Amino acid sequence: MDIKMYNVGKVVNTHGIAGEVRVVRITDFDERFEPGEELYWYQDENSKPQKLIVNTHRKHKTFDLLTFQGYTTINQVEELKGGILKVREDQLSDLEEDEFYYHEIIGCTVETVEGEALGKVKEILSPGANDVWVVQRTKQKDLLVPYIEQVVKQIDIESKRIVIEPMEGLLDL
């Protein structure tokens, strides 16, 4: 039986010479990177996971900087570049009402309150005050939908459907 795994970050580079790596976060949960937390590193989707234990965590600019137990030099973490960090399904915590994991939102179909199909959420960006959902549209540029109450009106995870009320200019090309 396969255990479901969920992406929480991507190792994009090393940082310094003491075994620290730069990670682009794919999660809202700070506790994923706390010392002692288990992460699973994958070179690609078909590779065998490598278990890593977070040793230290700090933020630097737009990155999370992590070290792992047993990795103390740049040479040891060089191979981690480009890999994906994941957690097991049983590491997910229960959410409050109207809270969602990224993997629940990505892949949902987005439509307007009038019923116009816009596309599917392909990525979630966290630039600051609120998340921005990147909606892939057919033969058009991606649509950036701010996850705010005025725009996102309904989320149905079961049917993978999101209804939005576009603010003025949102759908303009």
C-alpha atoms as a PDB file:
ATOM      1  CA  MET A   1       0.000   0.000   0.000  1.00  0.00           C
ATOM      2  CA  ASP A   2       1.420   3.376  -1.052  1.00  0.00           C
ATOM      3  CA  ILE A   3       1.505   6.262   1.394  1.00  0.00           C
ATOM      4  CA  LYS A   4       0.262   9.545  -0.080  1.00  0.00           C
ATOM      5  CA  MET A   5       2.865  12.293  -0.019  1.00  0.00           C
ATOM      6  CA  TYR A   6       2.350  16.048  -0.326  1.00  0.00           C
ATOM      7  CA  ASN A   7       4.774  18.720  -1.553  1.00  0.00           C
ATOM      8  CA  VAL A   8       5.893  21.321   0.992  1.00  0.00           C
ATOM      9  CA  GLY A   9       8.958  22.793  -0.711  1.00  0.00           C
ATOM     10  CA  LYS A  10      11.534  22.678  -3.476  1.00  0.00           C
ATOM     11  CA  VAL A  11      15.281  22.770  -2.822  1.00  0.00           C
ATOM     12  CA  VAL A  12      16.560  25.410  -5.238  1.00  0.00           C
ATOM     13  CA  ASN A  13      20.158  25.862  -4.123  1.00  0.00           C
ATOM     14  CA  THR A  14      22.735  25.556  -1.381  1.00  0.00           C
ATOM     15  CA  HIS A  15      23.444  28.496   0.945  1.00  0.00           C
ATOM     16  CA  GLY A  16      26.907  28.998   2.368  1.00  0.00           C
ATOM     17  CA  ILE A  17      29.311  26.126   3.101  1.00  0.00           C
ATOM     18  CA  ALA A  18      27.803  24.629   6.286  1.00  0.00           C
ATOM     19  CA  GLY A  19      25.170  22.359   4.717  1.00  0.00           C
ATOM     20  CA  GLU A  20      22.326  24.854   4.475  1.00  0.00           C
ATOM     21  CA  VAL A  21      19.846  24.699   1.557  1.00  0.00           C
ATOM     22  CA  ARG A  22      17.502  27.291   0.066  1.00  0.00           C
ATOM     23  CA  VAL A  23      13.916  26.122  -0.148  1.00  0.00           C
ATOM     24  CA  VAL A  24      10.997  27.666  -2.015  1.00  0.00           C
ATOM     25  CA  ARG A  25       8.014  27.016   0.212  1.00  0.00           C
ATOM     26  CA  ILE A  26       4.896  25.264  -1.145  1.00  0.00           C
ATOM     27  CA  THR A  27       3.001  25.339   2.161  1.00  0.00           C
ATOM     28  CA  ASP A  28       1.374  27.806   4.536  1.00  0.00           C
ATOM     29  CA  PHE A  29       2.418  25.806   7.584  1.00  0.00           C
ATOM     30  CA  ASP A  30       5.566  27.086   9.325  1.00  0.00           C
ATOM     31  CA  GLU A  31       5.709  23.968  11.515  1.00  0.00           C
ATOM     32  CA  ARG A  32       6.704  21.875   8.464  1.00  0.00           C
ATOM     33  CA  PHE A  33      10.243  23.248   8.775  1.00  0.00           C
ATOM     34  CA  GLU A  34      10.670  23.279  12.565  1.00  0.00           C
ATOM     35  CA  PRO A  35      13.694  21.422  13.993  1.00  0.00           C
ATOM     36  CA  GLY A  36      12.925  17.732  14.470  1.00  0.00           C
ATOM     37  CA  GLU A  37      10.294  17.572  11.703  1.00  0.00           C
ATOM     38  CA  GLU A  38      10.528  14.725   9.182  1.00  0.00           C
ATOM     39  CA  LEU A  39      10.638  15.600   5.505  1.00  0.00           C
ATOM     40  CA  TYR A  40      11.037  13.279   2.535  1.00  0.00           C
ATOM     41  CA  TRP A  41      13.273  14.371  -0.330  1.00  0.00           C
ATOM     42  CA  TYR A  42      12.554  13.194  -3.881  1.00  0.00           C
ATOM     43  CA  GLN A  43      14.879  13.810  -6.830  1.00  0.00           C
ATOM     44  CA  ASP A  44      11.819  13.439  -9.083  1.00  0.00           C
ATOM     45  CA  GLU A  45       8.345  11.882  -8.951  1.00  0.00           C
ATOM     46  CA  ASN A  46       9.653   8.382  -9.719  1.00  0.00           C
ATOM     47  CA  SER A  47      12.603   8.326  -7.313  1.00  0.00           C
ATOM     48  CA  LYS A  48      12.788   6.615  -3.951  1.00  0.00           C
ATOM     49  CA  PRO A  49      12.295   9.041  -1.035  1.00  0.00           C
ATOM     50  CA  GLN A  50      15.130   9.960   1.292  1.00  0.00           C
ATOM     51  CA  LYS A  51      14.098  10.781   4.859  1.00  0.00           C
ATOM     52  CA  LEU A  52      15.540  14.023   6.261  1.00  0.00           C
ATOM     53  CA  ILE A  53      15.207  15.460   9.772  1.00  0.00           C
ATOM     54  CA  VAL A  54      15.183  19.269   9.990  1.00  0.00           C
ATOM     55  CA  ASN A  55      18.056  20.496  12.162  1.00  0.00           C
ATOM     56  CA  THR A  56      17.673  24.273  11.777  1.00  0.00           C
ATOM     57  CA  HIS A  57      15.314  26.656  10.012  1.00  0.00           C
ATOM     58  CA  ARG A  58      15.432  30.374   9.332  1.00  0.00           C
ATOM     59  CA  LYS A  59      13.989  32.747   6.780  1.00  0.00           C
ATOM     60  CA  HIS A  60      16.142  34.717   4.364  1.00  0.00           C
ATOM     61  CA  LYS A  61      14.496  37.074   1.853  1.00  0.00           C
ATOM     62  CA  THR A  62      11.858  34.974   0.052  1.00  0.00           C
ATOM     63  CA  PHE A  63      13.445  31.616   0.953  1.00  0.00           C
ATOM     64  CA  ASP A  64      13.420  29.216   3.859  1.00  0.00           C
ATOM     65  CA  LEU A  65      16.941  28.111   4.807  1.00  0.00           C
ATOM     66  CA  LEU A  66      17.168  24.607   6.264  1.00  0.00           C
ATOM     67  CA  THR A  67      19.847  22.287   7.555  1.00  0.00           C
ATOM     68  CA  PHE A  68      19.293  18.578   8.101  1.00  0.00           C
ATOM     69  CA  GLN A  69      20.669  16.212  10.704  1.00  0.00           C
ATOM     70  CA  GLY A  70      23.825  14.529   9.404  1.00  0.00           C
ATOM     71  CA  TYR A  71      24.404  17.123   6.665  1.00  0.00           C
ATOM     72  CA  THR A  72      27.090  19.599   7.731  1.00  0.00           C
ATOM     73  CA  THR A  73      28.890  20.593   4.520  1.00  0.00           C
ATOM     74  CA  ILE A  74      27.999  22.067   1.154  1.00  0.00           C
ATOM     75  CA  ASN A  75      29.261  18.879  -0.533  1.00  0.00           C
ATOM     76  CA  GLN A  76      26.693  16.756   1.324  1.00  0.00           C
ATOM     77  CA  VAL A  77      23.700  18.936   0.336  1.00  0.00           C
ATOM     78  CA  GLU A  78      24.776  19.626  -3.251  1.00  0.00           C
ATOM     79  CA  GLU A  79      22.864  16.510  -4.415  1.00  0.00           C
ATOM     80  CA  LEU A  80      19.612  17.839  -2.862  1.00  0.00           C
ATOM     81  CA  LYS A  81      19.382  20.746  -5.337  1.00  0.00           C
ATOM     82  CA  GLY A  82      16.348  20.522  -7.603  1.00  0.00           C
ATOM     83  CA  GLY A  83      14.578  17.991  -5.401  1.00  0.00           C
ATOM     84  CA  ILE A  84      11.127  18.224  -3.838  1.00  0.00           C
ATOM     85  CA  LEU A  85      10.445  18.062  -0.092  1.00  0.00           C
ATOM     86  CA  LYS A  86       7.288  16.200   0.916  1.00  0.00           C
ATOM     87  CA  VAL A  87       5.387  15.098   4.012  1.00  0.00           C
ATOM     88  CA  ARG A  88       3.317  11.944   4.569  1.00  0.00           C
ATOM     89  CA  GLU A  89      -0.467  12.167   4.596  1.00  0.00           C
ATOM     90  CA  ASP A  90      -0.512  11.253   8.300  1.00  0.00           C
ATOM     91  CA  GLN A  91       1.602  14.358   9.022  1.00  0.00           C
ATOM     92  CA  LEU A  92      -1.210  16.635   7.807  1.00  0.00           C
ATOM     93  CA  SER A  93      -3.124  18.364  10.568  1.00  0.00           C
ATOM     94  CA  ASP A  94      -6.858  19.004  10.744  1.00  0.00           C
ATOM     95  CA  LEU A  95      -7.899  22.370   9.388  1.00  0.00           C
ATOM     96  CA  GLU A  96     -10.481  24.853  10.585  1.00  0.00           C
ATOM     97  CA  GLU A  97     -13.679  25.328   8.599  1.00  0.00           C
ATOM     98  CA  ASP A  98     -13.033  27.256   5.360  1.00  0.00           C
ATOM     99  CA  GLU A  99      -9.303  26.372   5.394  1.00  0.00           C
ATOM    100  CA  PHE A 100      -7.780  24.252   2.664  1.00  0.00           C
ATOM    101  CA  TYR A 101      -4.511  22.564   1.785  1.00  0.00           C
ATOM    102  CA  TYR A 102      -2.829  23.670  -1.433  1.00  0.00           C
ATOM    103  CA  HIS A 103      -3.253  20.184  -2.919  1.00  0.00           C
ATOM    104  CA  GLU A 104      -7.024  20.467  -2.424  1.00  0.00           C
ATOM    105  CA  ILE A 105      -7.194  23.739  -4.393  1.00  0.00           C
ATOM    106  CA  ILE A 106      -4.731  22.894  -7.182  1.00  0.00           C
ATOM    107  CA  GLY A 107      -6.622  21.134  -9.972  1.00  0.00           C
ATOM    108  CA  CYS A 108     -10.002  22.684  -9.138  1.00  0.00           C
ATOM    109  CA  THR A 109     -12.048  24.132 -11.989  1.00  0.00           C
ATOM    110  CA  VAL A 110     -12.734  27.862 -11.655  1.00  0.00           C
ATOM    111  CA  GLU A 111     -15.890  29.493 -12.973  1.00  0.00           C
ATOM    112  CA  THR A 112     -17.643  32.825 -12.567  1.00  0.00           C
ATOM    113  CA  VAL A 113     -20.903  33.292 -10.634  1.00  0.00           C
ATOM    114  CA  GLU A 114     -22.557  33.494 -14.077  1.00  0.00           C
ATOM    115  CA  GLY A 115     -21.267  29.992 -14.885  1.00  0.00           C
ATOM    116  CA  GLU A 116     -18.480  30.923 -17.319  1.00  0.00           C
ATOM    117  CA  ALA A 117     -15.685  28.322 -17.113  1.00  0.00           C
ATOM    118  CA  LEU A 118     -12.299  30.022 -16.722  1.00  0.00           C
ATOM    119  CA  GLY A 119      -9.803  27.171 -16.282  1.00  0.00           C
ATOM    120  CA  LYS A 120      -8.071  25.143 -13.568  1.00  0.00           C
ATOM    121  CA  VAL A 121      -5.908  26.220 -10.654  1.00  0.00           C
ATOM    122  CA  LYS A 122      -2.360  25.111 -11.504  1.00  0.00           C
ATOM    123  CA  GLU A 123      -0.352  26.860  -8.789  1.00  0.00           C
ATOM    124  CA  ILE A 124      -0.695  28.948  -5.640  1.00  0.00           C
ATOM    125  CA  LEU A 125       1.528  31.958  -4.996  1.00  0.00           C
ATOM    126  CA  SER A 126       2.018  33.522  -1.555  1.00  0.00           C
ATOM    127  CA  PRO A 127       3.318  37.015  -2.316  1.00  0.00           C
ATOM    128  CA  GLY A 128       2.148  38.686   0.890  1.00  0.00           C
ATOM    129  CA  ALA A 129      -1.189  39.633   2.400  1.00  0.00           C
ATOM    130  CA  ASN A 130      -3.189  36.921   0.607  1.00  0.00           C
ATOM    131  CA  ASP A 131      -2.577  33.923  -1.629  1.00  0.00           C
ATOM    132  CA  VAL A 132      -2.958  34.269  -5.392  1.00  0.00           C
ATOM    133  CA  TRP A 133      -4.296  31.337  -7.386  1.00  0.00           C
ATOM    134  CA  VAL A 134      -2.827  30.879 -10.880  1.00  0.00           C
ATOM    135  CA  VAL A 135      -5.613  29.665 -13.179  1.00  0.00           C
ATOM    136  CA  GLN A 136      -4.519  28.047 -16.436  1.00  0.00           C
ATOM    137  CA  ARG A 137      -6.816  29.033 -19.282  1.00  0.00           C
ATOM    138  CA  THR A 138      -7.124  27.543 -22.762  1.00  0.00           C
ATOM    139  CA  LYS A 139      -5.288  29.590 -25.405  1.00  0.00           C
ATOM    140  CA  GLN A 140      -5.068  32.606 -23.076  1.00  0.00           C
ATOM    141  CA  LYS A 141      -2.635  33.958 -20.533  1.00  0.00           C
ATOM    142  CA  ASP A 142      -2.896  32.566 -17.007  1.00  0.00           C
ATOM    143  CA  LEU A 143      -5.396  34.313 -14.765  1.00  0.00           C
ATOM    144  CA  LEU A 144      -4.261  35.516 -11.322  1.00  0.00           C
ATOM    145  CA  VAL A 145      -7.094  35.247  -8.798  1.00  0.00           C
ATOM    146  CA  PRO A 146      -6.587  36.792  -5.362  1.00  0.00           C
ATOM    147  CA  TYR A 147      -7.888  34.554  -2.583  1.00  0.00           C
ATOM    148  CA  ILE A 148     -10.044  37.189  -0.906  1.00  0.00           C
ATOM    149  CA  GLU A 149     -13.685  37.175   0.228  1.00  0.00           C
ATOM    150  CA  GLN A 150     -14.782  39.739  -2.366  1.00  0.00           C
ATOM    151  CA  VAL A 151     -13.613  37.476  -5.227  1.00  0.00           C
ATOM    152  CA  VAL A 152     -13.787  33.811  -4.107  1.00  0.00           C
ATOM    153  CA  LYS A 153     -17.438  33.058  -3.398  1.00  0.00           C
ATOM    154  CA  GLN A 154     -17.591  29.265  -3.156  1.00  0.00           C
ATOM    155  CA  ILE A 155     -15.144  26.374  -2.807  1.00  0.00           C
ATOM    156  CA  ASP A 156     -16.399  22.816  -3.220  1.00  0.00           C
ATOM    157  CA  ILE A 157     -13.481  20.454  -2.644  1.00  0.00           C
ATOM    158  CA  GLU A 158     -15.616  17.341  -3.252  1.00  0.00           C
ATOM    159  CA  SER A 159     -16.540  18.382  -6.789  1.00  0.00           C
ATOM    160  CA  LYS A 160     -13.219  20.250  -7.363  1.00  0.00           C
ATOM    161  CA  ARG A 161     -15.128  23.459  -8.225  1.00  0.00           C
ATOM    162  CA  ILE A 162     -14.475  27.095  -7.288  1.00  0.00           C
ATOM    163  CA  VAL A 163     -16.860  29.962  -8.029  1.00  0.00           C
ATOM    164  CA  ILE A 164     -15.515  33.514  -8.227  1.00  0.00           C
ATOM    165  CA  GLU A 165     -16.999  36.964  -8.723  1.00  0.00           C
ATOM    166  CA  PRO A 166     -14.300  38.728 -10.748  1.00  0.00           C
ATOM    167  CA  MET A 167     -13.484  42.245  -9.620  1.00  0.00           C
ATOM    168  CA  GLU A 168     -13.293  44.940 -12.286  1.00  0.00           C
ATOM    169  CA  GLY A 169     -10.383  44.325 -14.658  1.00  0.00           C
ATOM    170  CA  LEU A 170      -9.579  40.803 -13.409  1.00  0.00           C
ATOM    171  CA  LEU A 171     -10.574  39.100 -16.662  1.00  0.00           C
ATOM    172  CA  ASP A 172      -9.101  41.788 -18.962  1.00  0.00           C
ATOM    173  CA  LEU A 173      -6.243  40.592 -21.147  1.00  0.00           C
END
